[in-house]
Amino acid sequence: MPKAVKIIVWVVVFAAAVAAGAFMASRSDPFPPGVEDPGARPTITPTSTPSTPSPTIWALEMTSATAHHLHVGGSCRSDWRVRGTITIQPNGSAAGQGSAVLSGPATCDFPQAQVQTKKIALVVTGTLAGGSLRLSFSEAGRTPVGSQDLGGFTNTLHWIRPVLPVRDGSERATASTQVSRPDGDLGSYSSDSRVKLSLQ
């Protein structure tokens, strides 16, 4: 066989071998399972952050009919309307503020010259547990300064502690409470209150 023909044959065989190798390489995985690709970037799996419960804000409304019954006879009466807001935290603690406004003048069964309180600033606290919200109230100031609450609303305020059903999905809750307390002079104070909460 002439030398030129041998060279051509070897070139063809070599080219065929290279082509076959390239074809096989294109069909195979250089990094089979268990072998890490040194040039591959790590896959980042997004992690979901659990959502944190948010506080809920409630509008507070309350009406209270109060009276001071004197042991010598007769009584003074007053009606109050309370408006405010309460924030309930995810841990169940509740806090807020409001104001009580006198609804009409106080009335007494006897003449009196004392200046009647017309507005009372309130601090509201409470605890939510087992689907029940327990509230309590305290006075933070009054208008006019130095005035007297003839009907005894402030004398029963500390004992007005309504329990309202507030559960997941609740948007409204109501409760009523009655209080009767001695006035320290053989008489008594009483109040009849109705409370309503509305989710804002």
Protein backbone atom coordinates (compact mmCIF):
# COMPACT_ATOMS: atom_id res chain seq x y z
CA MET A 1 0.00 0.00 0.00
CA PRO A 2 1.45 3.37 -0.92
CA LYS A 3 2.55 5.58 1.98
CA ALA A 4 0.14 8.38 1.03
CA VAL A 5 -2.82 5.98 1.17
CA LYS A 6 -1.73 4.77 4.64
CA ILE A 7 -1.66 8.34 5.93
CA ILE A 8 -5.13 9.03 4.57
CA VAL A 9 -6.48 5.82 6.15
CA TRP A 10 -4.94 6.71 9.54
CA VAL A 11 -6.34 10.24 9.36
CA VAL A 12 -9.82 8.88 8.64
CA VAL A 13 -9.55 6.32 11.49
CA PHE A 14 -8.31 8.99 13.92
CA ALA A 15 -11.07 11.39 12.92
CA ALA A 16 -13.67 8.64 13.36
CA ALA A 17 -12.31 7.83 16.83
CA VAL A 18 -12.42 11.49 17.88
CA ALA A 19 -15.97 11.84 16.61
CA ALA A 20 -17.07 8.69 18.43
CA GLY A 21 -15.46 9.90 21.66
CA ALA A 22 -17.13 13.29 21.41
CA PHE A 23 -20.48 11.64 20.78
CA MET A 24 -20.14 9.40 23.85
CA ALA A 25 -19.01 12.29 26.01
CA SER A 26 -22.04 14.35 25.05
CA ARG A 27 -24.34 11.53 26.19
CA SER A 28 -22.72 10.79 29.57
CA ASP A 29 -22.81 12.58 33.00
CA PRO A 30 -19.27 13.46 34.12
CA PHE A 31 -20.53 13.69 37.69
CA PRO A 32 -22.72 10.67 38.46
CA PRO A 33 -24.80 10.57 41.68
CA GLY A 34 -22.55 10.91 44.70
CA VAL A 35 -19.84 12.86 42.87
CA GLU A 36 -19.85 16.62 43.50
CA ASP A 37 -19.35 19.01 40.64
CA PRO A 38 -16.54 21.34 41.80
CA GLY A 39 -17.82 24.17 39.60
CA ALA A 40 -21.47 23.95 40.63
CA ARG A 41 -22.99 26.62 42.84
CA PRO A 42 -24.75 25.45 45.99
CA THR A 43 -28.51 25.29 45.77
CA ILE A 44 -30.14 27.66 48.24
CA THR A 45 -33.46 26.43 49.54
CA PRO A 46 -35.62 29.36 50.67
CA THR A 47 -36.60 29.05 54.31
CA SER A 48 -40.07 30.12 55.33
CA THR A 49 -40.21 32.44 58.33
CA PRO A 50 -43.13 31.67 60.62
CA SER A 51 -45.55 34.58 60.80
CA THR A 52 -45.64 36.41 64.13
CA PRO A 53 -49.14 37.10 65.51
CA SER A 54 -50.03 40.78 65.53
CA PRO A 55 -51.74 42.72 68.32
CA THR A 56 -55.44 43.40 67.85
CA ILE A 57 -57.03 46.77 68.52
CA TRP A 58 -60.58 47.00 69.86
CA ALA A 59 -62.97 49.92 70.23
CA LEU A 60 -64.44 50.08 73.74
CA GLU A 61 -67.90 51.39 74.57
CA MET A 62 -69.48 51.29 78.01
CA THR A 63 -72.52 52.82 79.69
CA SER A 64 -72.85 52.99 83.46
CA ALA A 65 -75.82 54.01 85.56
CA THR A 66 -74.55 54.82 89.05
CA ALA A 67 -76.04 55.91 92.34
CA HIS A 68 -74.98 56.95 95.82
CA HIS A 69 -77.56 55.84 98.40
CA LEU A 70 -77.24 57.76 101.65
CA HIS A 71 -78.14 56.11 104.96
CA VAL A 72 -80.09 59.21 106.04
CA GLY A 73 -82.32 58.76 103.01
CA GLY A 74 -82.27 59.88 99.41
CA SER A 75 -79.67 59.30 96.72
CA CYS A 76 -77.70 60.95 93.91
CA ARG A 77 -77.68 59.40 90.44
CA SER A 78 -75.55 59.87 87.35
CA ASP A 79 -75.21 58.22 83.95
CA TRP A 80 -71.88 57.83 82.14
CA ARG A 81 -70.79 56.99 78.64
CA VAL A 82 -67.28 55.59 78.09
CA ARG A 83 -65.33 55.53 74.83
CA GLY A 84 -61.82 54.22 74.33
CA THR A 85 -59.51 51.69 72.68
CA ILE A 86 -57.84 48.53 73.91
CA THR A 87 -54.86 46.72 72.40
CA ILE A 88 -54.59 42.98 73.03
CA GLN A 89 -51.09 41.57 72.63
CA PRO A 90 -50.42 38.02 71.33
CA ASN A 91 -49.40 37.00 74.87
CA GLY A 92 -52.88 37.92 76.15
CA SER A 93 -52.08 41.16 77.96
CA ALA A 94 -54.42 44.05 77.22
CA ALA A 95 -54.05 47.78 77.80
CA GLY A 96 -55.76 50.93 76.65
CA GLN A 97 -57.28 54.21 77.61
CA GLY A 98 -60.56 56.01 77.38
CA SER A 99 -62.72 58.74 78.81
CA ALA A 100 -66.01 58.68 80.67
CA VAL A 101 -68.36 61.57 79.94
CA LEU A 102 -71.34 62.48 82.07
CA SER A 103 -74.62 61.96 80.19
CA GLY A 104 -76.78 64.78 81.44
CA PRO A 105 -76.57 66.39 84.88
CA ALA A 106 -76.40 64.32 88.05
CA THR A 107 -79.64 64.35 90.03
CA CYS A 108 -80.05 64.24 93.80
CA ASP A 109 -83.10 63.91 96.05
CA PHE A 110 -81.92 66.88 98.11
CA PRO A 111 -80.28 70.25 97.45
CA GLN A 112 -76.51 70.22 97.08
CA ALA A 113 -73.90 72.78 96.02
CA GLN A 114 -70.97 70.54 95.06
CA VAL A 115 -69.47 70.81 91.58
CA GLN A 116 -70.25 67.63 89.65
CA THR A 117 -67.44 65.88 87.72
CA LYS A 118 -68.20 65.93 83.99
CA LYS A 119 -65.34 63.95 82.47
CA ILE A 120 -63.01 61.24 83.79
CA ALA A 121 -59.84 59.97 82.07
CA LEU A 122 -59.53 56.20 82.32
CA VAL A 123 -56.76 53.64 82.14
CA VAL A 124 -57.85 50.18 81.01
CA THR A 125 -55.96 46.94 81.63
CA GLY A 126 -56.85 43.31 81.17
CA THR A 127 -55.88 39.75 80.42
CA LEU A 128 -57.08 37.43 77.66
CA ALA A 129 -56.99 33.73 78.58
CA GLY A 130 -59.10 30.77 77.55
CA GLY A 131 -61.23 32.91 75.23
CA SER A 132 -62.23 35.32 78.04
CA LEU A 133 -61.03 38.91 78.29
CA ARG A 134 -61.09 40.29 81.84
CA LEU A 135 -60.96 44.08 82.05
CA SER A 136 -60.40 46.53 84.87
CA PHE A 137 -60.52 50.33 85.03
CA SER A 138 -58.78 53.04 87.00
CA GLU A 139 -59.10 56.82 87.10
CA ALA A 140 -56.33 58.97 85.57
CA GLY A 141 -57.83 62.41 86.15
CA ARG A 142 -61.08 64.35 86.10
CA THR A 143 -62.61 67.52 84.76
CA PRO A 144 -63.17 69.98 86.39
CA VAL A 145 -60.18 69.44 88.65
CA GLY A 146 -61.28 69.04 92.27
CA SER A 147 -64.89 68.28 91.34
CA GLN A 148 -67.04 65.62 93.02
CA ASP A 149 -68.63 62.57 91.44
CA LEU A 150 -72.03 62.76 93.13
CA GLY A 151 -73.40 59.54 91.65
CA GLY A 152 -70.47 57.41 92.77
CA PHE A 153 -69.15 56.20 89.41
CA THR A 154 -65.53 56.61 90.54
CA ASN A 155 -66.36 54.83 93.80
CA THR A 156 -67.39 51.69 91.92
CA LEU A 157 -64.95 52.01 89.00
CA HIS A 158 -62.28 49.77 90.53
CA TRP A 159 -64.82 46.95 90.92
CA ILE A 160 -66.25 47.17 87.40
CA ARG A 161 -64.52 44.11 85.96
CA PRO A 162 -66.40 42.75 82.96
CA VAL A 163 -65.52 39.40 81.40
CA LEU A 164 -66.01 39.37 77.63
CA PRO A 165 -65.88 36.35 75.28
CA VAL A 166 -63.05 37.12 72.83
CA ARG A 167 -61.96 34.14 70.73
CA ASP A 168 -60.17 33.67 67.42
CA GLY A 169 -62.37 35.15 64.72
CA SER A 170 -64.38 37.28 67.15
CA GLU A 171 -65.22 40.78 65.98
CA ARG A 172 -67.59 41.82 68.76
CA ALA A 173 -68.09 41.01 72.41
CA THR A 174 -70.49 42.23 75.09
CA ALA A 175 -70.84 41.89 78.82
CA SER A 176 -72.67 43.47 81.74
CA THR A 177 -71.71 43.88 85.37
CA GLN A 178 -73.35 45.16 88.54
CA VAL A 179 -71.45 46.54 91.52
CA SER A 180 -72.56 47.47 95.02
CA ARG A 181 -70.11 48.86 97.59
CA PRO A 182 -70.48 50.43 101.05
CA ASP A 183 -69.66 54.13 101.22
CA GLY A 184 -68.12 53.90 104.71
CA ASP A 185 -70.98 55.90 106.26
CA LEU A 186 -73.76 53.29 106.36
CA GLY A 187 -74.74 54.15 102.81
CA SER A 188 -73.73 52.47 99.53
CA TYR A 189 -72.63 53.03 95.96
CA SER A 190 -74.03 51.03 93.06
CA SER A 191 -73.42 50.82 89.34
CA ASP A 192 -74.97 48.93 86.46
CA SER A 193 -72.63 48.79 83.44
CA ARG A 194 -72.83 47.39 79.94
CA VAL A 195 -69.65 46.94 77.89
CA LYS A 196 -69.18 46.38 74.16
CA LEU A 197 -65.98 45.70 72.21
CA SER A 198 -65.65 45.97 68.42
CA LEU A 199 -62.60 44.83 66.48
CA GLN A 200 -61.06 47.69 64.49
